[in-house]
Amino acid sequence: MEFYSARLLYIILVDDGKLRKKNHYDESVIVFRAKDHEHAFEKALELGKEKETKYKNEDGKNVRWAFVEIINLDWVGRKVDGKEVASCLHFRVSKNPISPKRRFHPEKSKPEGSF
C-alpha cells in the first residue's frame, strides 16, 4: 500500500434560526495508506465522514461540522518522511518592509502544537 493525502472540506453550521451565505469552513489535510487511487477515494470518504460531528455550543445552539467534499486527492508515495502534503500561499503584512537580502533564523522558532 502507498500513501495518499486528501484535502477535505467541512462546513460549520450553527442552528440559530438564521440562514447564512457566509459560513465558517475548515480544510483538513489527512495522510493515509491505500492500494490505488480508487481505494484512496473511498478511504478519504470514510475518514471524512468519521470527522463529522454535532454538539451544543456555549449558547446552547446545535453546531454541526458537515463533510462537504474531497477537494484534492494526491498520491504521496511509499514514504512520507520529509514529503510535503499540503501548502498554502498567502500574504502577511509586516510592520516594516523586508529586504530581499534579509537573513532569517528558523532555528530560533518555538512552534506550538495545532491541537
PDB file of N, CA and C in Angstrom:
ATOM      1  N   MET A   1       0.840  -1.183   0.000  1.00  0.00           N
ATOM      2  CA  MET A   1       0.000   0.000   0.000  1.00  0.00           C
ATOM      3  C   MET A   1       0.884   1.246   0.000  1.00  0.00           C
ATOM      4  N   GLU A   2       0.361   2.295  -0.574  1.00  0.00           N
ATOM      5  CA  GLU A   2       1.107   3.542  -0.685  1.00  0.00           C
ATOM      6  C   GLU A   2       0.377   4.652   0.051  1.00  0.00           C
ATOM      7  N   PHE A   3       1.082   5.738   0.268  1.00  0.00           N
ATOM      8  CA  PHE A   3       0.481   6.868   0.973  1.00  0.00           C
ATOM      9  C   PHE A   3      -0.212   7.812   0.001  1.00  0.00           C
ATOM     10  N   TYR A   4      -1.327   8.339   0.460  1.00  0.00           N
ATOM     11  CA  TYR A   4      -2.091   9.359  -0.259  1.00  0.00           C
ATOM     12  C   TYR A   4      -2.397  10.482   0.728  1.00  0.00           C
ATOM     13  N   SER A   5      -2.669  11.663   0.192  1.00  0.00           N
ATOM     14  CA  SER A   5      -3.149  12.756   1.037  1.00  0.00           C
ATOM     15  C   SER A   5      -4.446  13.266   0.426  1.00  0.00           C
ATOM     16  N   ALA A   6      -5.323  13.735   1.288  1.00  0.00           N
ATOM     17  CA  ALA A   6      -6.592  14.289   0.838  1.00  0.00           C
ATOM     18  C   ALA A   6      -6.866  15.582   1.598  1.00  0.00           C
ATOM     19  N   ARG A   7      -7.291  16.605   0.858  1.00  0.00           N
ATOM     20  CA  ARG A   7      -7.739  17.856   1.479  1.00  0.00           C
ATOM     21  C   ARG A   7      -9.262  17.780   1.533  1.00  0.00           C
ATOM     22  N   LEU A   8      -9.787  17.772   2.751  1.00  0.00           N
ATOM     23  CA  LEU A   8     -11.222  17.605   2.976  1.00  0.00           C
ATOM     24  C   LEU A   8     -11.832  18.933   3.410  1.00  0.00           C
ATOM     25  N   LEU A   9     -13.010  19.233   2.897  1.00  0.00           N
ATOM     26  CA  LEU A   9     -13.697  20.477   3.231  1.00  0.00           C
ATOM     27  C   LEU A   9     -14.896  20.186   4.120  1.00  0.00           C
ATOM     28  N   TYR A  10     -14.952  20.918   5.224  1.00  0.00           N
ATOM     29  CA  TYR A  10     -16.073  20.831   6.167  1.00  0.00           C
ATOM     30  C   TYR A  10     -16.719  22.207   6.294  1.00  0.00           C
ATOM     31  N   ILE A  11     -18.031  22.224   6.462  1.00  0.00           N
ATOM     32  CA  ILE A  11     -18.744  23.455   6.775  1.00  0.00           C
ATOM     33  C   ILE A  11     -19.191  23.355   8.228  1.00  0.00           C
ATOM     34  N   ILE A  12     -19.125  24.469   8.935  1.00  0.00           N
ATOM     35  CA  ILE A  12     -19.516  24.513  10.341  1.00  0.00           C
ATOM     36  C   ILE A  12     -20.808  25.315  10.412  1.00  0.00           C
ATOM     37  N   LEU A  13     -21.890  24.645  10.748  1.00  0.00           N
ATOM     38  CA  LEU A  13     -23.216  25.255  10.752  1.00  0.00           C
ATOM     39  C   LEU A  13     -23.752  25.353  12.174  1.00  0.00           C
ATOM     40  N   VAL A  14     -24.261  26.531  12.516  1.00  0.00           N
ATOM     41  CA  VAL A  14     -24.866  26.763  13.826  1.00  0.00           C
ATOM     42  C   VAL A  14     -26.362  26.941  13.613  1.00  0.00           C
ATOM     43  N   ASP A  15     -27.163  26.130  14.301  1.00  0.00           N
ATOM     44  CA  ASP A  15     -28.616  26.200  14.175  1.00  0.00           C
ATOM     45  C   ASP A  15     -29.151  27.265  15.132  1.00  0.00           C
ATOM     46  N   ASP A  16     -29.100  28.526  14.661  1.00  0.00           N
ATOM     47  CA  ASP A  16     -29.602  29.631  15.479  1.00  0.00           C
ATOM     48  C   ASP A  16     -30.801  30.315  14.824  1.00  0.00           C
ATOM     49  N   GLY A  17     -31.420  29.617  13.855  1.00  0.00           N
ATOM     50  CA  GLY A  17     -32.601  30.152  13.195  1.00  0.00           C
ATOM     51  C   GLY A  17     -32.295  31.081  12.028  1.00  0.00           C
ATOM     52  N   LYS A  18     -31.008  31.328  11.740  1.00  0.00           N
ATOM     53  CA  LYS A  18     -30.617  32.217  10.645  1.00  0.00           C
ATOM     54  C   LYS A  18     -29.921  31.415   9.552  1.00  0.00           C
ATOM     55  N   LEU A  19     -30.327  31.647   8.309  1.00  0.00           N
ATOM     56  CA  LEU A  19     -29.643  31.050   7.178  1.00  0.00           C
ATOM     57  C   LEU A  19     -28.594  32.044   6.705  1.00  0.00           C
ATOM     58  N   ARG A  20     -27.405  31.559   6.411  1.00  0.00           N
ATOM     59  CA  ARG A  20     -26.308  32.439   6.037  1.00  0.00           C
ATOM     60  C   ARG A  20     -25.703  32.044   4.699  1.00  0.00           C
ATOM     61  N   LYS A  21     -25.255  33.058   3.953  1.00  0.00           N
ATOM     62  CA  LYS A  21     -24.467  32.811   2.753  1.00  0.00           C
ATOM     63  C   LYS A  21     -22.997  32.681   3.123  1.00  0.00           C
ATOM     64  N   LYS A  22     -22.569  33.416   4.168  1.00  0.00           N
ATOM     65  CA  LYS A  22     -21.181  33.380   4.632  1.00  0.00           C
ATOM     66  C   LYS A  22     -21.109  32.457   5.844  1.00  0.00           C
ATOM     67  N   ASN A  23     -20.366  31.367   5.714  1.00  0.00           N
ATOM     68  CA  ASN A  23     -20.252  30.372   6.778  1.00  0.00           C
ATOM     69  C   ASN A  23     -18.784  30.057   7.046  1.00  0.00           C
ATOM     70  N   HIS A  24     -18.517  29.521   8.214  1.00  0.00           N
ATOM     71  CA  HIS A  24     -17.167  29.046   8.532  1.00  0.00           C
ATOM     72  C   HIS A  24     -16.945  27.693   7.867  1.00  0.00           C
ATOM     73  N   TYR A  25     -15.740  27.514   7.358  1.00  0.00           N
ATOM     74  CA  TYR A  25     -15.331  26.254   6.746  1.00  0.00           C
ATOM     75  C   TYR A  25     -13.996  25.834   7.344  1.00  0.00           C
ATOM     76  N   ASP A  26     -13.705  24.561   7.294  1.00  0.00           N
ATOM     77  CA  ASP A  26     -12.413  24.038   7.707  1.00  0.00           C
ATOM     78  C   ASP A  26     -11.902  23.136   6.599  1.00  0.00           C
ATOM     79  N   GLU A  27     -10.634  23.354   6.197  1.00  0.00           N
ATOM     80  CA  GLU A  27      -9.976  22.456   5.256  1.00  0.00           C
ATOM     81  C   GLU A  27      -8.963  21.642   6.044  1.00  0.00           C
ATOM     82  N   SER A  28      -9.100  20.348   5.997  1.00  0.00           N
ATOM     83  CA  SER A  28      -8.248  19.445   6.747  1.00  0.00           C
ATOM     84  C   SER A  28      -7.480  18.565   5.771  1.00  0.00           C
ATOM     85  N   VAL A  29      -6.165  18.462   5.953  1.00  0.00           N
ATOM     86  CA  VAL A  29      -5.351  17.592   5.112  1.00  0.00           C
ATOM     87  C   VAL A  29      -4.998  16.353   5.925  1.00  0.00           C
ATOM     88  N   ILE A  30      -5.324  15.190   5.375  1.00  0.00           N
ATOM     89  CA  ILE A  30      -5.042  13.925   6.054  1.00  0.00           C
ATOM     90  C   ILE A  30      -4.122  13.074   5.182  1.00  0.00           C
ATOM     91  N   VAL A  31      -3.344  12.222   5.819  1.00  0.00           N
ATOM     92  CA  VAL A  31      -2.458  11.300   5.127  1.00  0.00           C
ATOM     93  C   VAL A  31      -2.858   9.887   5.550  1.00  0.00           C
ATOM     94  N   PHE A  32      -2.905   8.974   4.583  1.00  0.00           N
ATOM     95  CA  PHE A  32      -3.345   7.611   4.876  1.00  0.00           C
ATOM     96  C   PHE A  32      -2.802   6.676   3.804  1.00  0.00           C
ATOM     97  N   ARG A  33      -2.944   5.381   4.036  1.00  0.00           N
ATOM     98  CA  ARG A  33      -2.488   4.367   3.080  1.00  0.00           C
ATOM     99  C   ARG A  33      -3.683   3.829   2.283  1.00  0.00           C
ATOM    100  N   ALA A  34      -3.409   3.526   1.021  1.00  0.00           N
ATOM    101  CA  ALA A  34      -4.426   2.926   0.159  1.00  0.00           C
ATOM    102  C   ALA A  34      -3.738   2.112  -0.932  1.00  0.00           C
ATOM    103  N   LYS A  35      -4.504   1.177  -1.534  1.00  0.00           N
ATOM    104  CA  LYS A  35      -3.966   0.298  -2.573  1.00  0.00           C
ATOM    105  C   LYS A  35      -3.781   1.026  -3.904  1.00  0.00           C
ATOM    106  N   ASP A  36      -4.755   1.904  -4.235  1.00  0.00           N
ATOM    107  CA  ASP A  36      -4.718   2.624  -5.506  1.00  0.00           C
ATOM    108  C   ASP A  36      -5.597   3.867  -5.369  1.00  0.00           C
ATOM    109  N   HIS A  37      -5.726   4.601  -6.470  1.00  0.00           N
ATOM    110  CA  HIS A  37      -6.472   5.866  -6.418  1.00  0.00           C
ATOM    111  C   HIS A  37      -7.942   5.650  -6.036  1.00  0.00           C
ATOM    112  N   GLU A  38      -8.554   4.634  -6.573  1.00  0.00           N
ATOM    113  CA  GLU A  38      -9.963   4.352  -6.265  1.00  0.00           C
ATOM    114  C   GLU A  38     -10.132   4.024  -4.777  1.00  0.00           C
ATOM    115  N   HIS A  39      -9.248   3.189  -4.261  1.00  0.00           N
ATOM    116  CA  HIS A  39      -9.283   2.844  -2.846  1.00  0.00           C
ATOM    117  C   HIS A  39      -9.020   4.090  -1.990  1.00  0.00           C
ATOM    118  N   ALA A  40      -8.113   4.946  -2.447  1.00  0.00           N
ATOM    119  CA  ALA A  40      -7.809   6.185  -1.718  1.00  0.00           C
ATOM    120  C   ALA A  40      -9.041   7.083  -1.648  1.00  0.00           C
ATOM    121  N   PHE A  41      -9.795   7.158  -2.730  1.00  0.00           N
ATOM    122  CA  PHE A  41     -11.024   7.963  -2.728  1.00  0.00           C
ATOM    123  C   PHE A  41     -12.013   7.431  -1.694  1.00  0.00           C
ATOM    124  N   GLU A  42     -12.210   6.120  -1.698  1.00  0.00           N
ATOM    125  CA  GLU A  42     -13.138   5.500  -0.741  1.00  0.00           C
ATOM    126  C   GLU A  42     -12.663   5.720   0.695  1.00  0.00           C
ATOM    127  N   LYS A  43     -11.357   5.601   0.915  1.00  0.00           N
ATOM    128  CA  LYS A  43     -10.796   5.795   2.253  1.00  0.00           C
ATOM    129  C   LYS A  43     -10.942   7.248   2.696  1.00  0.00           C
ATOM    130  N   ALA A  44     -10.722   8.201   1.784  1.00  0.00           N
ATOM    131  CA  ALA A  44     -10.888   9.619   2.108  1.00  0.00           C
ATOM    132  C   ALA A  44     -12.339   9.911   2.481  1.00  0.00           C
ATOM    133  N   LEU A  45     -13.279   9.310   1.766  1.00  0.00           N
ATOM    134  CA  LEU A  45     -14.704   9.471   2.103  1.00  0.00           C
ATOM    135  C   LEU A  45     -14.975   8.943   3.509  1.00  0.00           C
ATOM    136  N   GLU A  46     -14.478   7.764   3.788  1.00  0.00           N
ATOM    137  CA  GLU A  46     -14.684   7.136   5.097  1.00  0.00           C
ATOM    138  C   GLU A  46     -14.089   7.996   6.215  1.00  0.00           C
ATOM    139  N   LEU A  47     -12.847   8.435   6.042  1.00  0.00           N
ATOM    140  CA  LEU A  47     -12.187   9.243   7.068  1.00  0.00           C
ATOM    141  C   LEU A  47     -12.863  10.600   7.218  1.00  0.00           C
ATOM    142  N   GLY A  48     -13.305  11.170   6.111  1.00  0.00           N
ATOM    143  CA  GLY A  48     -14.002  12.451   6.158  1.00  0.00           C
ATOM    144  C   GLY A  48     -15.316  12.368   6.910  1.00  0.00           C
ATOM    145  N   LYS A  49     -16.065  11.318   6.668  1.00  0.00           N
ATOM    146  CA  LYS A  49     -17.350  11.134   7.353  1.00  0.00           C
ATOM    147  C   LYS A  49     -17.157  10.880   8.847  1.00  0.00           C
ATOM    148  N   GLU A  50     -16.042  10.220   9.203  1.00  0.00           N
ATOM    149  CA  GLU A  50     -15.764   9.956  10.623  1.00  0.00           C
ATOM    150  C   GLU A  50     -15.553  11.232  11.422  1.00  0.00           C
ATOM    151  N   LYS A  51     -15.079  12.294  10.769  1.00  0.00           N
ATOM    152  CA  LYS A  51     -14.807  13.553  11.471  1.00  0.00           C
ATOM    153  C   LYS A  51     -16.069  14.401  11.644  1.00  0.00           C
ATOM    154  N   GLU A  52     -17.146  14.071  10.929  1.00  0.00           N
ATOM    155  CA  GLU A  52     -18.384  14.837  11.102  1.00  0.00           C
ATOM    156  C   GLU A  52     -18.812  14.747  12.563  1.00  0.00           C
ATOM    157  N   THR A  53     -19.331  15.844  13.088  1.00  0.00           N
ATOM    158  CA  THR A  53     -19.719  15.852  14.496  1.00  0.00           C
ATOM    159  C   THR A  53     -20.848  16.840  14.738  1.00  0.00           C
ATOM    160  N   LYS A  54     -21.515  16.656  15.857  1.00  0.00           N
ATOM    161  CA  LYS A  54     -22.572  17.572  16.304  1.00  0.00           C
ATOM    162  C   LYS A  54     -22.371  17.806  17.791  1.00  0.00           C
ATOM    163  N   TYR A  55     -22.636  19.030  18.234  1.00  0.00           N
ATOM    164  CA  TYR A  55     -22.546  19.357  19.658  1.00  0.00           C
ATOM    165  C   TYR A  55     -23.295  20.652  19.918  1.00  0.00           C
ATOM    166  N   LYS A  56     -23.479  20.960  21.180  1.00  0.00           N
ATOM    167  CA  LYS A  56     -24.096  22.230  21.564  1.00  0.00           C
ATOM    168  C   LYS A  56     -22.985  23.205  21.932  1.00  0.00           C
ATOM    169  N   ASN A  57     -23.101  24.449  21.435  1.00  0.00           N
ATOM    170  CA  ASN A  57     -22.102  25.451  21.775  1.00  0.00           C
ATOM    171  C   ASN A  57     -22.421  26.081  23.135  1.00  0.00           C
ATOM    172  N   GLU A  58     -21.608  27.064  23.528  1.00  0.00           N
ATOM    173  CA  GLU A  58     -21.783  27.688  24.849  1.00  0.00           C
ATOM    174  C   GLU A  58     -23.116  28.415  24.993  1.00  0.00           C
ATOM    175  N   ASP A  59     -23.776  28.728  23.864  1.00  0.00           N
ATOM    176  CA  ASP A  59     -25.095  29.372  23.911  1.00  0.00           C
ATOM    177  C   ASP A  59     -26.235  28.355  23.828  1.00  0.00           C
ATOM    178  N   GLY A  60     -25.898  27.074  23.845  1.00  0.00           N
ATOM    179  CA  GLY A  60     -26.911  26.036  23.784  1.00  0.00           C
ATOM    180  C   GLY A  60     -27.433  25.752  22.378  1.00  0.00           C
ATOM    181  N   LYS A  61     -26.790  26.327  21.361  1.00  0.00           N
ATOM    182  CA  LYS A  61     -27.212  26.113  19.972  1.00  0.00           C
ATOM    183  C   LYS A  61     -26.523  24.857  19.406  1.00  0.00           C
ATOM    184  N   ASN A  62     -27.254  24.154  18.564  1.00  0.00           N
ATOM    185  CA  ASN A  62     -26.690  22.979  17.915  1.00  0.00           C
ATOM    186  C   ASN A  62     -25.686  23.397  16.850  1.00  0.00           C
ATOM    187  N   VAL A  63     -24.512  22.777  16.886  1.00  0.00           N
ATOM    188  CA  VAL A  63     -23.452  23.028  15.909  1.00  0.00           C
ATOM    189  C   VAL A  63     -23.190  21.720  15.182  1.00  0.00           C
ATOM    190  N   ARG A  64     -23.035  21.826  13.861  1.00  0.00           N
ATOM    191  CA  ARG A  64     -22.772  20.629  13.063  1.00  0.00           C
ATOM    192  C   ARG A  64     -21.591  20.890  12.137  1.00  0.00           C
ATOM    193  N   TRP A  65     -20.595  20.016  12.202  1.00  0.00           N
ATOM    194  CA  TRP A  65     -19.493  20.010  11.242  1.00  0.00           C
ATOM    195  C   TRP A  65     -19.868  18.970  10.203  1.00  0.00           C
ATOM    196  N   ALA A  66     -20.151  19.415   8.981  1.00  0.00           N
ATOM    197  CA  ALA A  66     -20.589  18.517   7.916  1.00  0.00           C
ATOM    198  C   ALA A  66     -19.506  18.405   6.839  1.00  0.00           C
ATOM    199  N   PHE A  67     -19.226  17.195   6.427  1.00  0.00           N
ATOM    200  CA  PHE A  67     -18.256  16.904   5.377  1.00  0.00           C
ATOM    201  C   PHE A  67     -18.878  17.296   4.049  1.00  0.00           C
ATOM    202  N   VAL A  68     -18.252  18.235   3.331  1.00  0.00           N
ATOM    203  CA  VAL A  68     -18.806  18.774   2.097  1.00  0.00           C
ATOM    204  C   VAL A  68     -18.213  18.108   0.860  1.00  0.00           C
ATOM    205  N   GLU A  69     -16.873  18.037   0.799  1.00  0.00           N
ATOM    206  CA  GLU A  69     -16.255  17.454  -0.392  1.00  0.00           C
ATOM    207  C   GLU A  69     -14.788  17.116  -0.159  1.00  0.00           C
ATOM    208  N   ILE A  70     -14.283  16.269  -1.053  1.00  0.00           N
ATOM    209  CA  ILE A  70     -12.853  15.998  -1.135  1.00  0.00           C
ATOM    210  C   ILE A  70     -12.320  16.983  -2.168  1.00  0.00           C
ATOM    211  N   ILE A  71     -11.512  17.943  -1.731  1.00  0.00           N
ATOM    212  CA  ILE A  71     -11.004  18.973  -2.637  1.00  0.00           C
ATOM    213  C   ILE A  71      -9.863  18.431  -3.485  1.00  0.00           C
ATOM    214  N   ASN A  72      -8.912  17.766  -2.850  1.00  0.00           N
ATOM    215  CA  ASN A  72      -7.765  17.187  -3.542  1.00  0.00           C
ATOM    216  C   ASN A  72      -7.544  15.771  -3.047  1.00  0.00           C
ATOM    217  N   LEU A  73      -7.058  14.941  -3.939  1.00  0.00           N
ATOM    218  CA  LEU A  73      -6.641  13.590  -3.578  1.00  0.00           C
ATOM    219  C   LEU A  73      -5.345  13.333  -4.324  1.00  0.00           C
ATOM    220  N   ASP A  74      -4.250  13.207  -3.579  1.00  0.00           N
ATOM    221  CA  ASP A  74      -2.932  13.106  -4.193  1.00  0.00           C
ATOM    222  C   ASP A  74      -2.179  11.872  -3.732  1.00  0.00           C
ATOM    223  N   TRP A  75      -1.467  11.279  -4.679  1.00  0.00           N
ATOM    224  CA  TRP A  75      -0.558  10.192  -4.376  1.00  0.00           C
ATOM    225  C   TRP A  75       0.696  10.802  -3.773  1.00  0.00           C
ATOM    226  N   VAL A  76       1.147  10.278  -2.633  1.00  0.00           N
ATOM    227  CA  VAL A  76       2.348  10.772  -1.963  1.00  0.00           C
ATOM    228  C   VAL A  76       3.526   9.856  -2.253  1.00  0.00           C
ATOM    229  N   GLY A  77       3.311   8.557  -2.224  1.00  0.00           N
ATOM    230  CA  GLY A  77       4.380   7.604  -2.496  1.00  0.00           C
ATOM    231  C   GLY A  77       4.480   6.553  -1.409  1.00  0.00           C
ATOM    232  N   ARG A  78       5.564   5.816  -1.420  1.00  0.00           N
ATOM    233  CA  ARG A  78       5.759   4.745  -0.440  1.00  0.00           C
ATOM    234  C   ARG A  78       6.233   5.275   0.903  1.00  0.00           C
ATOM    235  N   LYS A  79       6.838   6.456   0.912  1.00  0.00           N
ATOM    236  CA  LYS A  79       7.339   7.054   2.151  1.00  0.00           C
ATOM    237  C   LYS A  79       6.757   8.447   2.308  1.00  0.00           C
ATOM    238  N   VAL A  80       6.519   8.854   3.556  1.00  0.00           N
ATOM    239  CA  VAL A  80       6.020  10.208   3.805  1.00  0.00           C
ATOM    240  C   VAL A  80       7.050  11.096   4.495  1.00  0.00           C
ATOM    241  N   ASP A  81       8.083  10.491   5.028  1.00  0.00           N
ATOM    242  CA  ASP A  81       9.081  11.257   5.764  1.00  0.00           C
ATOM    243  C   ASP A  81       9.677  12.353   4.884  1.00  0.00           C
ATOM    244  N   GLY A  82       9.443  13.598   5.268  1.00  0.00           N
ATOM    245  CA  GLY A  82      10.002  14.731   4.542  1.00  0.00           C
ATOM    246  C   GLY A  82       9.205  15.184   3.332  1.00  0.00           C
ATOM    247  N   LYS A  83       8.113  14.520   3.013  1.00  0.00           N
ATOM    248  CA  LYS A  83       7.304  14.906   1.856  1.00  0.00           C
ATOM    249  C   LYS A  83       6.301  15.984   2.230  1.00  0.00           C
ATOM    250  N   GLU A  84       6.111  16.929   1.340  1.00  0.00           N
ATOM    251  CA  GLU A  84       5.097  17.961   1.544  1.00  0.00           C
ATOM    252  C   GLU A  84       3.741  17.383   1.158  1.00  0.00           C
ATOM    253  N   VAL A  85       2.764  17.518   2.049  1.00  0.00           N
ATOM    254  CA  VAL A  85       1.429  17.018   1.743  1.00  0.00           C
ATOM    255  C   VAL A  85       0.407  18.142   1.653  1.00  0.00           C
ATOM    256  N   ALA A  86       0.792  19.356   2.054  1.00  0.00           N
ATOM    257  CA  ALA A  86      -0.117  20.492   1.935  1.00  0.00           C
ATOM    258  C   ALA A  86       0.702  21.770   1.908  1.00  0.00           C
ATOM    259  N   SER A  87       0.164  22.767   1.253  1.00  0.00           N
ATOM    260  CA  SER A  87       0.815  24.058   1.173  1.00  0.00           C
ATOM    261  C   SER A  87      -0.258  25.115   0.985  1.00  0.00           C
ATOM    262  N   CYS A  88      -0.004  26.304   1.510  1.00  0.00           N
ATOM    263  CA  CYS A  88      -0.971  27.389   1.379  1.00  0.00           C
ATOM    264  C   CYS A  88      -0.215  28.704   1.178  1.00  0.00           C
ATOM    265  N   LEU A  89      -0.302  29.253  -0.013  1.00  0.00           N
ATOM    266  CA  LEU A  89       0.310  30.560  -0.267  1.00  0.00           C
ATOM    267  C   LEU A  89      -0.628  31.645   0.247  1.00  0.00           C
ATOM    268  N   HIS A  90      -0.082  32.598   0.958  1.00  0.00           N
ATOM    269  CA  HIS A  90      -0.907  33.686   1.465  1.00  0.00           C
ATOM    270  C   HIS A  90      -0.034  34.904   1.732  1.00  0.00           C
ATOM    271  N   PHE A  91      -0.664  36.051   1.948  1.00  0.00           N
ATOM    272  CA  PHE A  91       0.043  37.278   2.259  1.00  0.00           C
ATOM    273  C   PHE A  91       0.033  37.516   3.753  1.00  0.00           C
ATOM    274  N   ARG A  92       1.094  38.136   4.238  1.00  0.00           N
ATOM    275  CA  ARG A  92       1.173  38.646   5.600  1.00  0.00           C
ATOM    276  C   ARG A  92       1.666  40.074   5.499  1.00  0.00           C
ATOM    277  N   VAL A  93       1.232  40.901   6.407  1.00  0.00           N
ATOM    278  CA  VAL A  93       1.670  42.295   6.426  1.00  0.00           C
ATOM    279  C   VAL A  93       2.622  42.471   7.599  1.00  0.00           C
ATOM    280  N   SER A  94       3.827  42.977   7.316  1.00  0.00           N
ATOM    281  CA  SER A  94       4.807  43.206   8.375  1.00  0.00           C
ATOM    282  C   SER A  94       4.834  44.689   8.745  1.00  0.00           C
ATOM    283  N   LYS A  95       5.356  44.975   9.927  1.00  0.00           N
ATOM    284  CA  LYS A  95       5.436  46.361  10.396  1.00  0.00           C
ATOM    285  C   LYS A  95       6.349  47.195   9.510  1.00  0.00           C
ATOM    286  N   ASN A  96       7.457  46.565   9.058  1.00  0.00           N
ATOM    287  CA  ASN A  96       8.454  47.254   8.242  1.00  0.00           C
ATOM    288  C   ASN A  96       8.702  46.485   6.957  1.00  0.00           C
ATOM    289  N   PRO A  97       9.156  47.180   5.901  1.00  0.00           N
ATOM    290  CA  PRO A  97       9.497  46.473   4.663  1.00  0.00           C
ATOM    291  C   PRO A  97      10.617  45.458   4.905  1.00  0.00           C
ATOM    292  N   ILE A  98      10.624  44.394   4.142  1.00  0.00           N
ATOM    293  CA  ILE A  98      11.619  43.339   4.288  1.00  0.00           C
ATOM    294  C   ILE A  98      12.513  43.321   3.053  1.00  0.00           C
ATOM    295  N   SER A  99      13.802  43.444   3.284  1.00  0.00           N
ATOM    296  CA  SER A  99      14.782  43.425   2.196  1.00  0.00           C
ATOM    297  C   SER A  99      14.919  42.016   1.642  1.00  0.00           C
ATOM    298  N   PRO A 100      15.096  41.884   0.328  1.00  0.00           N
ATOM    299  CA  PRO A 100      15.349  40.558  -0.250  1.00  0.00           C
ATOM    300  C   PRO A 100      16.632  39.909   0.283  1.00  0.00           C
ATOM    301  N   LYS A 101      17.515  40.692   0.905  1.00  0.00           N
ATOM    302  CA  LYS A 101      18.777  40.165   1.440  1.00  0.00           C
ATOM    303  C   LYS A 101      18.689  39.825   2.929  1.00  0.00           C
ATOM    304  N   ARG A 102      17.539  40.044   3.538  1.00  0.00           N
ATOM    305  CA  ARG A 102      17.403  39.788   4.980  1.00  0.00           C
ATOM    306  C   ARG A 102      17.637  38.318   5.282  1.00  0.00           C
ATOM    307  N   ARG A 103      18.337  38.057   6.365  1.00  0.00           N
ATOM    308  CA  ARG A 103      18.561  36.684   6.829  1.00  0.00           C
ATOM    309  C   ARG A 103      17.516  36.340   7.880  1.00  0.00           C
ATOM    310  N   PHE A 104      17.075  35.122   7.838  1.00  0.00           N
ATOM    311  CA  PHE A 104      16.080  34.639   8.788  1.00  0.00           C
ATOM    312  C   PHE A 104      16.714  33.563   9.657  1.00  0.00           C
ATOM    313  N   HIS A 105      16.133  33.306  10.817  1.00  0.00           N
ATOM    314  CA  HIS A 105      16.697  32.356  11.780  1.00  0.00           C
ATOM    315  C   HIS A 105      15.629  31.366  12.247  1.00  0.00           C
ATOM    316  N   PRO A 106      15.261  30.416  11.381  1.00  0.00           N
ATOM    317  CA  PRO A 106      14.233  29.450  11.755  1.00  0.00           C
ATOM    318  C   PRO A 106      14.623  28.574  12.941  1.00  0.00           C
ATOM    319  N   GLU A 107      15.923  28.470  13.217  1.00  0.00           N
ATOM    320  CA  GLU A 107      16.376  27.667  14.358  1.00  0.00           C
ATOM    321  C   GLU A 107      15.935  28.262  15.692  1.00  0.00           C
ATOM    322  N   LYS A 108      15.505  29.509  15.699  1.00  0.00           N
ATOM    323  CA  LYS A 108      15.013  30.148  16.925  1.00  0.00           C
ATOM    324  C   LYS A 108      13.497  29.990  17.082  1.00  0.00           C
ATOM    325  N   SER A 109      12.883  29.238  16.190  1.00  0.00           N
ATOM    326  CA  SER A 109      11.434  29.023  16.239  1.00  0.00           C
ATOM    327  C   SER A 109      11.028  28.336  17.530  1.00  0.00           C
ATOM    328  N   LYS A 110       9.840  28.656  17.987  1.00  0.00           N
ATOM    329  CA  LYS A 110       9.240  27.997  19.163  1.00  0.00           C
ATOM    330  C   LYS A 110       7.833  27.539  18.740  1.00  0.00           C
ATOM    331  N   PRO A 111       7.781  26.464  17.964  1.00  0.00           N
ATOM    332  CA  PRO A 111       6.490  26.030  17.433  1.00  0.00           C
ATOM    333  C   PRO A 111       5.544  25.521  18.530  1.00  0.00           C
ATOM    334  N   GLU A 112       4.267  25.740  18.272  1.00  0.00           N
ATOM    335  CA  GLU A 112       3.212  25.235  19.152  1.00  0.00           C
ATOM    336  C   GLU A 112       2.504  24.106  18.431  1.00  0.00           C
ATOM    337  N   GLY A 113       1.825  23.277  19.178  1.00  0.00           N
ATOM    338  CA  GLY A 113       1.033  22.216  18.570  1.00  0.00           C
ATOM    339  C   GLY A 113      -0.259  22.781  17.983  1.00  0.00           C
ATOM    340  N   SER A 114      -0.809  22.073  17.025  1.00  0.00           N
ATOM    341  CA  SER A 114      -2.070  22.506  16.409  1.00  0.00           C
ATOM    342  C   SER A 114      -3.276  22.193  17.276  1.00  0.00           C
ATOM    343  N   PHE A 115      -3.122  21.198  18.172  1.00  0.00           N
ATOM    344  CA  PHE A 115      -4.277  20.779  18.981  1.00  0.00           C
ATOM    345  C   PHE A 115      -3.976  20.930  20.431  1.00  0.00           C
TER     346      PHE A 115
END
